[in-house]
Amino acid sequence: MPIYEYKCSACGQTIELMQKIGSKAPNSCPLCGAVNTLKKIISHTSFELKGSGWYVTDYKNNSKSNSNNESKKGELKDAGKNTVNN
């Protein structure tokens, strides 16, 4: 179930509620008790990949080591061309 955020116009507090998709906003604020003051707000989403198939390092970009590897590959190719031409 997704988590939705609501803001109360009476007390100004923001609350998070786990609800089914398409559920209506609660009638009253659980913090101050004001009726018909909650409005759904748009918030940032986040997720975490969990399980045996996902690792933190799977999509890590290590540009320094990649650029070093690429330059070494280029040097090896150039070295091979020189030996062929002799």
N, C-alpha and C. Protein backbone atom coordinates (compact mmCIF):
# COMPACT_ATOMS: atom_id res chain seq x y z
N MET A 1 0.84 -1.18 0.00
CA MET A 1 0.00 0.00 0.00
C MET A 1 0.89 1.25 0.00
N PRO A 2 0.50 2.25 -0.75
CA PRO A 2 1.29 3.49 -0.78
C PRO A 2 1.06 4.34 0.46
N ILE A 3 2.01 5.21 0.70
CA ILE A 3 1.91 6.15 1.82
C ILE A 3 1.59 7.52 1.23
N TYR A 4 0.54 8.15 1.73
CA TYR A 4 0.12 9.46 1.27
C TYR A 4 0.35 10.49 2.36
N GLU A 5 0.66 11.72 1.94
CA GLU A 5 0.83 12.82 2.89
C GLU A 5 -0.34 13.77 2.79
N TYR A 6 -0.78 14.21 3.94
CA TYR A 6 -1.88 15.18 4.02
C TYR A 6 -1.43 16.34 4.90
N LYS A 7 -1.92 17.53 4.55
CA LYS A 7 -1.63 18.71 5.37
C LYS A 7 -2.94 19.25 5.90
N CYS A 8 -2.94 19.55 7.19
CA CYS A 8 -4.13 20.10 7.84
C CYS A 8 -4.10 21.62 7.73
N SER A 9 -5.17 22.20 7.21
CA SER A 9 -5.22 23.66 7.08
C SER A 9 -5.51 24.34 8.42
N ALA A 10 -5.98 23.59 9.40
CA ALA A 10 -6.26 24.17 10.71
C ALA A 10 -5.01 24.28 11.57
N CYS A 11 -4.26 23.19 11.70
CA CYS A 11 -3.09 23.21 12.58
C CYS A 11 -1.77 23.33 11.80
N GLY A 12 -1.80 23.13 10.48
CA GLY A 12 -0.61 23.27 9.66
C GLY A 12 0.34 22.08 9.69
N GLN A 13 -0.03 21.02 10.38
CA GLN A 13 0.81 19.84 10.49
C GLN A 13 0.64 18.93 9.27
N THR A 14 1.69 18.20 8.94
CA THR A 14 1.65 17.24 7.86
C THR A 14 1.66 15.84 8.46
N ILE A 15 0.77 14.99 7.94
CA ILE A 15 0.71 13.61 8.43
C ILE A 15 0.89 12.65 7.26
N GLU A 16 1.34 11.45 7.56
CA GLU A 16 1.50 10.39 6.57
C GLU A 16 0.54 9.26 6.93
N LEU A 17 -0.18 8.77 5.90
CA LEU A 17 -1.12 7.68 6.11
C LEU A 17 -0.91 6.61 5.05
N MET A 18 -0.91 5.36 5.46
CA MET A 18 -0.83 4.25 4.52
C MET A 18 -2.26 3.90 4.13
N GLN A 19 -2.56 4.08 2.84
CA GLN A 19 -3.93 3.86 2.36
C GLN A 19 -3.92 3.11 1.05
N LYS A 20 -5.06 2.53 0.71
CA LYS A 20 -5.23 1.91 -0.59
C LYS A 20 -5.27 3.00 -1.65
N ILE A 21 -4.88 2.64 -2.88
CA ILE A 21 -4.92 3.59 -3.98
C ILE A 21 -6.37 4.00 -4.22
N GLY A 22 -6.60 5.29 -4.36
CA GLY A 22 -7.93 5.80 -4.63
C GLY A 22 -8.76 6.07 -3.38
N SER A 23 -8.20 5.82 -2.19
CA SER A 23 -8.95 6.10 -0.96
C SER A 23 -9.10 7.59 -0.77
N LYS A 24 -10.19 7.97 -0.15
CA LYS A 24 -10.45 9.38 0.13
C LYS A 24 -9.67 9.82 1.37
N ALA A 25 -9.46 11.12 1.46
CA ALA A 25 -8.79 11.69 2.64
C ALA A 25 -9.66 11.47 3.87
N PRO A 26 -9.03 11.30 5.02
CA PRO A 26 -9.82 11.16 6.26
C PRO A 26 -10.66 12.42 6.51
N ASN A 27 -11.75 12.25 7.23
CA ASN A 27 -12.65 13.39 7.50
C ASN A 27 -12.08 14.36 8.51
N SER A 28 -11.26 13.86 9.45
CA SER A 28 -10.75 14.76 10.48
C SER A 28 -9.25 14.56 10.67
N CYS A 29 -8.61 15.61 11.13
CA CYS A 29 -7.17 15.57 11.40
C CYS A 29 -6.92 14.77 12.68
N PRO A 30 -6.05 13.76 12.62
CA PRO A 30 -5.79 12.97 13.83
C PRO A 30 -4.99 13.74 14.88
N LEU A 31 -4.37 14.84 14.50
CA LEU A 31 -3.58 15.62 15.47
C LEU A 31 -4.40 16.65 16.22
N CYS A 32 -5.22 17.42 15.49
CA CYS A 32 -5.97 18.49 16.16
C CYS A 32 -7.47 18.22 16.22
N GLY A 33 -7.95 17.24 15.41
CA GLY A 33 -9.36 16.89 15.43
C GLY A 33 -10.25 17.74 14.55
N ALA A 34 -9.69 18.72 13.83
CA ALA A 34 -10.49 19.58 12.96
C ALA A 34 -11.10 18.75 11.83
N VAL A 35 -12.33 19.08 11.47
CA VAL A 35 -13.08 18.31 10.47
C VAL A 35 -12.92 18.95 9.09
N ASN A 36 -12.75 18.12 8.06
CA ASN A 36 -12.64 18.54 6.66
C ASN A 36 -11.53 19.55 6.41
N THR A 37 -10.38 19.35 7.03
CA THR A 37 -9.26 20.28 6.84
C THR A 37 -8.04 19.63 6.20
N LEU A 38 -8.08 18.32 5.95
CA LEU A 38 -6.93 17.63 5.37
C LEU A 38 -6.96 17.71 3.85
N LYS A 39 -5.81 18.05 3.28
CA LYS A 39 -5.66 18.11 1.84
C LYS A 39 -4.45 17.28 1.46
N LYS A 40 -4.61 16.42 0.44
CA LYS A 40 -3.51 15.56 -0.02
C LYS A 40 -2.46 16.43 -0.68
N ILE A 41 -1.19 16.21 -0.32
CA ILE A 41 -0.10 16.97 -0.92
C ILE A 41 0.78 16.03 -1.73
N ILE A 42 1.47 16.60 -2.70
CA ILE A 42 2.40 15.83 -3.53
C ILE A 42 3.75 15.86 -2.87
N SER A 43 4.35 14.70 -2.71
CA SER A 43 5.65 14.63 -2.06
C SER A 43 6.60 13.80 -2.91
N HIS A 44 7.87 13.83 -2.55
CA HIS A 44 8.88 13.04 -3.24
C HIS A 44 8.69 11.56 -2.94
N THR A 45 8.94 10.75 -3.93
CA THR A 45 8.85 9.32 -3.71
C THR A 45 10.24 8.76 -3.51
N SER A 46 10.32 7.64 -2.88
CA SER A 46 11.60 6.97 -2.70
C SER A 46 11.34 5.48 -2.64
N PHE A 47 12.35 4.73 -3.02
CA PHE A 47 12.25 3.29 -2.90
C PHE A 47 13.65 2.73 -2.70
N GLU A 48 13.69 1.55 -2.19
CA GLU A 48 14.96 0.89 -1.94
C GLU A 48 14.89 -0.50 -2.54
N LEU A 49 15.90 -0.85 -3.32
CA LEU A 49 15.95 -2.18 -3.91
C LEU A 49 16.48 -3.16 -2.87
N LYS A 50 15.67 -4.16 -2.56
CA LYS A 50 16.06 -5.14 -1.56
C LYS A 50 15.95 -6.53 -2.15
N GLY A 51 16.66 -7.44 -1.60
CA GLY A 51 16.57 -8.83 -2.03
C GLY A 51 17.92 -9.35 -2.46
N SER A 52 17.96 -10.62 -2.78
CA SER A 52 19.23 -11.26 -3.09
C SER A 52 19.78 -10.85 -4.45
N GLY A 53 18.95 -10.30 -5.34
CA GLY A 53 19.40 -9.95 -6.68
C GLY A 53 19.90 -8.53 -6.83
N TRP A 54 19.81 -7.71 -5.80
CA TRP A 54 20.18 -6.29 -5.91
C TRP A 54 21.31 -5.98 -4.96
N TYR A 55 22.26 -5.23 -5.45
CA TYR A 55 23.39 -4.83 -4.63
C TYR A 55 23.59 -3.33 -4.77
N VAL A 56 24.08 -2.69 -3.74
CA VAL A 56 24.31 -1.25 -3.73
C VAL A 56 25.30 -0.86 -4.82
N THR A 57 26.26 -1.73 -5.10
CA THR A 57 27.31 -1.40 -6.05
C THR A 57 26.95 -1.73 -7.50
N ASP A 58 25.76 -2.26 -7.77
CA ASP A 58 25.40 -2.65 -9.13
C ASP A 58 25.45 -1.50 -10.11
N TYR A 59 25.01 -0.34 -9.73
CA TYR A 59 24.93 0.78 -10.66
C TYR A 59 25.84 1.92 -10.24
N LYS A 60 26.84 1.64 -9.45
CA LYS A 60 27.75 2.66 -8.99
C LYS A 60 28.65 3.09 -10.14
N ASN A 61 28.77 4.39 -10.35
CA ASN A 61 29.58 4.92 -11.44
C ASN A 61 30.95 5.29 -10.88
N ASN A 62 31.95 4.59 -11.31
CA ASN A 62 33.30 4.86 -10.86
C ASN A 62 34.07 5.40 -12.06
N SER A 63 33.85 6.68 -12.39
CA SER A 63 34.37 7.25 -13.63
C SER A 63 35.89 7.32 -13.64
N LYS A 64 36.54 7.47 -12.51
CA LYS A 64 38.00 7.57 -12.48
C LYS A 64 38.64 6.26 -12.94
N SER A 65 38.17 5.14 -12.41
CA SER A 65 38.75 3.86 -12.81
C SER A 65 38.36 3.52 -14.24
N ASN A 66 37.15 3.91 -14.67
CA ASN A 66 36.75 3.65 -16.05
C ASN A 66 37.60 4.42 -17.04
N SER A 67 37.92 5.68 -16.74
CA SER A 67 38.73 6.47 -17.66
C SER A 67 40.16 5.93 -17.70
N ASN A 68 40.69 5.46 -16.58
CA ASN A 68 42.02 4.86 -16.56
C ASN A 68 42.04 3.57 -17.38
N ASN A 69 40.99 2.76 -17.25
CA ASN A 69 40.92 1.52 -18.01
C ASN A 69 40.84 1.80 -19.50
N GLU A 70 40.06 2.80 -19.90
CA GLU A 70 39.92 3.14 -21.31
C GLU A 70 41.24 3.62 -21.89
N SER A 71 41.99 4.45 -21.15
CA SER A 71 43.26 4.94 -21.66
C SER A 71 44.27 3.80 -21.79
N LYS A 72 44.23 2.84 -20.87
CA LYS A 72 45.14 1.69 -20.95
C LYS A 72 44.79 0.83 -22.16
N LYS A 73 43.49 0.66 -22.44
CA LYS A 73 43.07 -0.12 -23.60
C LYS A 73 43.57 0.56 -24.87
N GLY A 74 43.47 1.88 -24.93
CA GLY A 74 43.93 2.63 -26.10
C GLY A 74 45.42 2.48 -26.30
N GLU A 75 46.17 2.48 -25.21
CA GLU A 75 47.63 2.32 -25.30
C GLU A 75 47.98 0.93 -25.81
N LEU A 76 47.24 -0.09 -25.37
CA LEU A 76 47.50 -1.46 -25.82
C LEU A 76 47.20 -1.61 -27.32
N LYS A 77 46.13 -0.98 -27.78
CA LYS A 77 45.79 -1.04 -29.19
C LYS A 77 46.89 -0.37 -30.03
N ASP A 78 47.34 0.80 -29.56
CA ASP A 78 48.40 1.53 -30.28
C ASP A 78 49.69 0.72 -30.30
N ALA A 79 50.00 0.06 -29.20
CA ALA A 79 51.21 -0.76 -29.13
C ALA A 79 51.13 -1.92 -30.11
N GLY A 80 49.95 -2.50 -30.25
CA GLY A 80 49.76 -3.61 -31.17
C GLY A 80 49.90 -3.16 -32.61
N LYS A 81 49.46 -1.97 -32.93
CA LYS A 81 49.58 -1.44 -34.29
C LYS A 81 51.05 -1.23 -34.66
N ASN A 82 51.85 -0.77 -33.72
CA ASN A 82 53.25 -0.53 -33.99
C ASN A 82 53.99 -1.82 -34.29
N THR A 83 53.66 -2.89 -33.61
CA THR A 83 54.36 -4.15 -33.84
C THR A 83 53.96 -4.76 -35.18
N VAL A 84 52.71 -4.52 -35.61
CA VAL A 84 52.24 -5.07 -36.87
C VAL A 84 52.92 -4.35 -38.03
N ASN A 85 53.13 -3.05 -37.89
CA ASN A 85 53.72 -2.26 -38.96
C ASN A 85 55.21 -2.51 -39.14
N ASN A 86 55.90 -3.06 -38.18
CA ASN A 86 57.36 -3.27 -38.27
C ASN A 86 57.67 -4.37 -39.17
